[in-house]
Amino acid sequence: MTAARKITASDILPLDQYSRLRAERRSAMSALKRNRRIELGTVVTFYFECYETMLHQVQEMLFIEKGGAEQLPDELAAYNPLIPNGQELTATVMIEIDDELRRKRVLAELGGVEFEFFLRVSGEVIKGQPEDDQERTNEAGKTSSVHFLHFPFSKGQIEAFRKPGAEIVIGCSHPKYQHMAIIPEAVREGLSADFA
């Protein structure tokens, strides 16, 4: 089965229908996301995206904001680029710190962090490429708490990633945030479906 790569208006449920199915949909999405999430260090979490997660996000934005058909083009423009194209993995990266003062201090130290995330597959490093919708680090060197990344794979890297038991490492090489984590097998298996 080929994974869907683009959300269109015909994929969107009408608001009243989505309202009736929302609890069920949210529960199913929680189950799906369980094997698409990786914590890296103490404050960074990767949420790997796919067609289903982005469709859910669009439906939720339409449900919450109630903008209807006028809102839909903006949501599709924002979220379709985060659906993997078959040769990549995509992720929303969150820097999650509850304490406001600590969050401001940490974000001020992590300027440019969006260029320092990587995956290592069979010894080959795949650098994350930030979504170019806007700058995520300001002139003062403070970074955003949310980043959107693409990890482009070669054919050989995809084959290596798909091998059961393959050791896949995710990491950050920023001088103020150097962490690595091994992607669990269940997550590796789930993310393998994102490739064509």
Protein backbone atom coordinates (compact mmCIF):
# COMPACT_ATOMS: atom_id res chain seq x y z
CA MET A 1 0.00 0.00 0.00
CA THR A 2 1.34 3.42 -0.95
CA ALA A 3 1.11 6.08 1.74
CA ALA A 4 -0.86 9.21 0.87
CA ARG A 5 1.35 12.24 0.30
CA LYS A 6 -1.06 15.18 0.10
CA ILE A 7 -4.24 16.27 1.84
CA THR A 8 -6.95 17.70 -0.41
CA ALA A 9 -10.30 19.33 0.35
CA SER A 10 -12.04 16.02 -0.42
CA ASP A 11 -10.18 14.39 2.51
CA ILE A 12 -11.70 16.79 5.04
CA LEU A 13 -14.79 15.74 6.96
CA PRO A 14 -17.57 18.31 7.36
CA LEU A 15 -17.48 19.94 10.80
CA ASP A 16 -20.65 18.27 12.10
CA GLN A 17 -19.44 14.82 11.03
CA TYR A 18 -15.97 15.39 12.53
CA SER A 19 -17.58 16.61 15.77
CA ARG A 20 -19.39 13.29 16.13
CA LEU A 21 -16.22 11.27 15.41
CA ARG A 22 -13.73 13.53 17.21
CA ALA A 23 -13.27 11.51 20.42
CA GLU A 24 -12.76 8.30 18.44
CA ARG A 25 -10.35 10.03 16.03
CA ARG A 26 -8.33 11.57 18.86
CA SER A 27 -8.01 8.19 20.57
CA ALA A 28 -6.81 6.55 17.35
CA MET A 29 -4.33 9.39 16.81
CA SER A 30 -2.89 8.94 20.32
CA ALA A 31 -2.28 5.28 19.56
CA LEU A 32 -0.63 6.10 16.21
CA LYS A 33 1.59 8.82 17.69
CA ARG A 34 2.86 6.53 20.46
CA ASN A 35 5.36 4.97 18.03
CA ARG A 36 6.18 8.26 16.28
CA ARG A 37 7.58 10.13 19.29
CA ILE A 38 11.16 10.28 20.57
CA GLU A 39 12.53 12.24 23.51
CA LEU A 40 16.02 13.62 22.97
CA GLY A 41 17.70 14.77 26.15
CA THR A 42 15.72 16.58 28.81
CA VAL A 43 13.69 19.16 26.87
CA VAL A 44 13.48 18.16 23.17
CA THR A 45 10.82 15.86 21.74
CA PHE A 46 10.53 14.70 18.13
CA TYR A 47 7.06 14.05 16.73
CA PHE A 48 7.48 12.29 13.39
CA GLU A 49 4.74 13.32 11.00
CA CYS A 50 2.81 11.46 8.29
CA TYR A 51 -0.35 11.91 6.25
CA GLU A 52 -2.56 10.77 9.15
CA THR A 53 -1.01 13.10 11.73
CA MET A 54 -1.25 16.08 9.39
CA LEU A 55 -4.83 15.27 8.37
CA HIS A 56 -5.71 15.14 12.06
CA GLN A 57 -3.98 18.49 12.63
CA VAL A 58 -5.90 20.14 9.78
CA GLN A 59 -9.20 18.72 11.04
CA GLU A 60 -8.43 19.95 14.56
CA MET A 61 -7.51 23.45 13.37
CA LEU A 62 -10.77 23.67 11.41
CA PHE A 63 -12.71 22.35 14.42
CA ILE A 64 -11.12 24.79 16.87
CA GLU A 65 -11.05 27.91 14.71
CA LYS A 66 -14.29 27.25 12.78
CA GLY A 67 -12.93 29.06 9.68
CA GLY A 68 -14.52 26.63 7.23
CA ALA A 69 -13.73 26.69 3.52
CA GLU A 70 -11.97 30.05 3.79
CA GLN A 71 -9.52 28.69 6.38
CA LEU A 72 -8.80 25.39 4.60
CA PRO A 73 -6.29 26.64 1.95
CA ASP A 74 -4.05 28.14 4.64
CA GLU A 75 -4.13 24.94 6.69
CA LEU A 76 -3.31 22.80 3.65
CA ALA A 77 -0.44 25.14 2.73
CA ALA A 78 0.92 24.91 6.28
CA TYR A 79 0.62 21.16 6.85
CA ASN A 80 0.99 19.44 3.47
CA PRO A 81 4.76 20.21 3.32
CA LEU A 82 5.22 18.17 6.51
CA ILE A 83 3.88 14.95 4.97
CA PRO A 84 6.89 12.78 4.04
CA ASN A 85 7.40 12.63 0.26
CA GLY A 86 8.44 8.95 0.23
CA GLN A 87 12.18 9.66 0.35
CA GLU A 88 12.32 11.36 3.75
CA LEU A 89 11.17 11.47 7.33
CA THR A 90 9.64 14.68 8.65
CA ALA A 91 9.32 15.82 12.24
CA THR A 92 7.93 18.54 14.41
CA VAL A 93 10.56 19.21 17.07
CA MET A 94 9.35 20.75 20.32
CA ILE A 95 11.51 22.32 23.00
CA GLU A 96 9.23 21.78 25.96
CA ILE A 97 9.94 23.63 29.21
CA ASP A 98 7.09 24.50 31.56
CA ASP A 99 8.92 27.13 33.62
CA GLU A 100 8.75 30.40 31.64
CA LEU A 101 12.02 31.89 32.94
CA ARG A 102 13.97 28.70 32.31
CA ARG A 103 12.38 28.36 28.85
CA LYS A 104 13.47 31.90 27.88
CA ARG A 105 17.02 31.24 29.11
CA VAL A 106 17.34 27.89 27.30
CA LEU A 107 15.88 29.20 24.03
CA ALA A 108 18.30 32.14 24.18
CA GLU A 109 21.21 29.66 24.35
CA LEU A 110 20.02 27.45 21.48
CA GLY A 111 20.17 29.77 18.49
CA GLY A 112 20.64 27.79 15.27
CA VAL A 113 19.68 24.49 16.90
CA GLU A 114 17.39 23.75 13.94
CA PHE A 115 20.51 23.07 11.83
CA GLU A 116 22.06 20.65 14.34
CA PHE A 117 19.66 17.69 14.44
CA PHE A 118 20.59 14.45 12.71
CA LEU A 119 19.81 10.78 12.22
CA ARG A 120 22.55 8.15 11.96
CA VAL A 121 21.63 5.09 9.91
CA SER A 122 24.22 2.32 9.47
CA GLY A 123 26.97 4.81 10.28
CA GLU A 124 25.74 7.43 7.76
CA VAL A 125 24.61 10.81 9.09
CA ILE A 126 21.46 12.39 7.69
CA LYS A 127 21.25 16.06 8.66
CA GLY A 128 17.85 17.54 9.39
CA GLN A 129 16.84 20.33 7.04
CA PRO A 130 14.58 22.98 8.58
CA GLU A 131 11.33 23.83 6.82
CA ASP A 132 11.98 27.17 5.14
CA ASP A 133 8.59 28.75 5.91
CA GLN A 134 10.21 31.24 8.30
CA GLU A 135 13.34 31.91 10.32
CA ARG A 136 13.30 30.03 13.62
CA THR A 137 16.24 31.85 15.24
CA ASN A 138 16.00 35.63 15.63
CA GLU A 139 18.75 38.26 15.34
CA ALA A 140 19.40 38.08 19.09
CA GLY A 141 20.19 34.35 18.77
CA LYS A 142 17.02 33.13 20.48
CA THR A 143 15.45 30.07 18.86
CA SER A 144 11.81 29.10 18.58
CA SER A 145 10.32 26.38 20.77
CA VAL A 146 8.93 24.64 17.63
CA HIS A 147 10.90 23.49 14.56
CA PHE A 148 9.85 21.54 11.46
CA LEU A 149 12.49 19.27 9.94
CA HIS A 150 12.98 17.11 6.86
CA PHE A 151 15.47 14.22 6.87
CA PRO A 152 16.19 13.33 3.20
CA PHE A 153 17.26 9.72 2.62
CA SER A 154 19.10 8.03 -0.22
CA LYS A 155 17.77 4.71 -1.52
CA GLY A 156 20.50 2.84 0.36
CA GLN A 157 19.72 4.67 3.60
CA ILE A 158 16.05 3.78 3.26
CA GLU A 159 16.94 0.10 2.80
CA ALA A 160 19.21 0.24 5.87
CA PHE A 161 16.51 1.97 7.94
CA ARG A 162 13.94 -0.68 7.01
CA LYS A 163 16.06 -3.63 8.18
CA PRO A 164 14.55 -5.14 11.34
CA GLY A 165 16.83 -4.50 14.29
CA ALA A 166 18.78 -1.73 12.53
CA GLU A 167 20.40 0.64 15.01
CA ILE A 168 19.11 4.13 14.26
CA VAL A 169 20.41 7.04 16.32
CA ILE A 170 18.82 10.47 16.58
CA GLY A 171 20.86 13.35 17.90
CA CYS A 172 21.66 17.00 18.27
CA SER A 173 25.16 18.44 17.87
CA HIS A 174 24.45 21.99 19.11
CA PRO A 175 27.26 23.03 21.53
CA LYS A 176 24.68 23.77 24.25
CA TYR A 177 22.55 20.69 23.63
CA GLN A 178 24.51 17.58 22.70
CA HIS A 179 22.35 14.50 23.05
CA MET A 180 21.79 11.21 21.24
CA ALA A 181 19.17 8.48 21.58
CA ILE A 182 18.61 5.12 19.94
CA ILE A 183 15.26 4.90 18.16
CA PRO A 184 13.33 1.93 19.61
CA GLU A 185 12.48 -0.92 17.25
CA ALA A 186 8.73 -0.24 17.38
CA VAL A 187 9.35 3.36 16.29
CA ARG A 188 11.79 2.30 13.55
CA GLU A 189 9.23 -0.16 12.24
CA GLY A 190 6.43 2.42 12.31
CA LEU A 191 8.47 5.10 10.57
CA SER A 192 9.55 2.66 7.85
CA ALA A 193 6.04 2.94 6.41
CA ASP A 194 6.73 6.62 5.58
CA PHE A 195 9.03 5.63 2.72
CA ALA A 196 7.75 4.88 -0.80
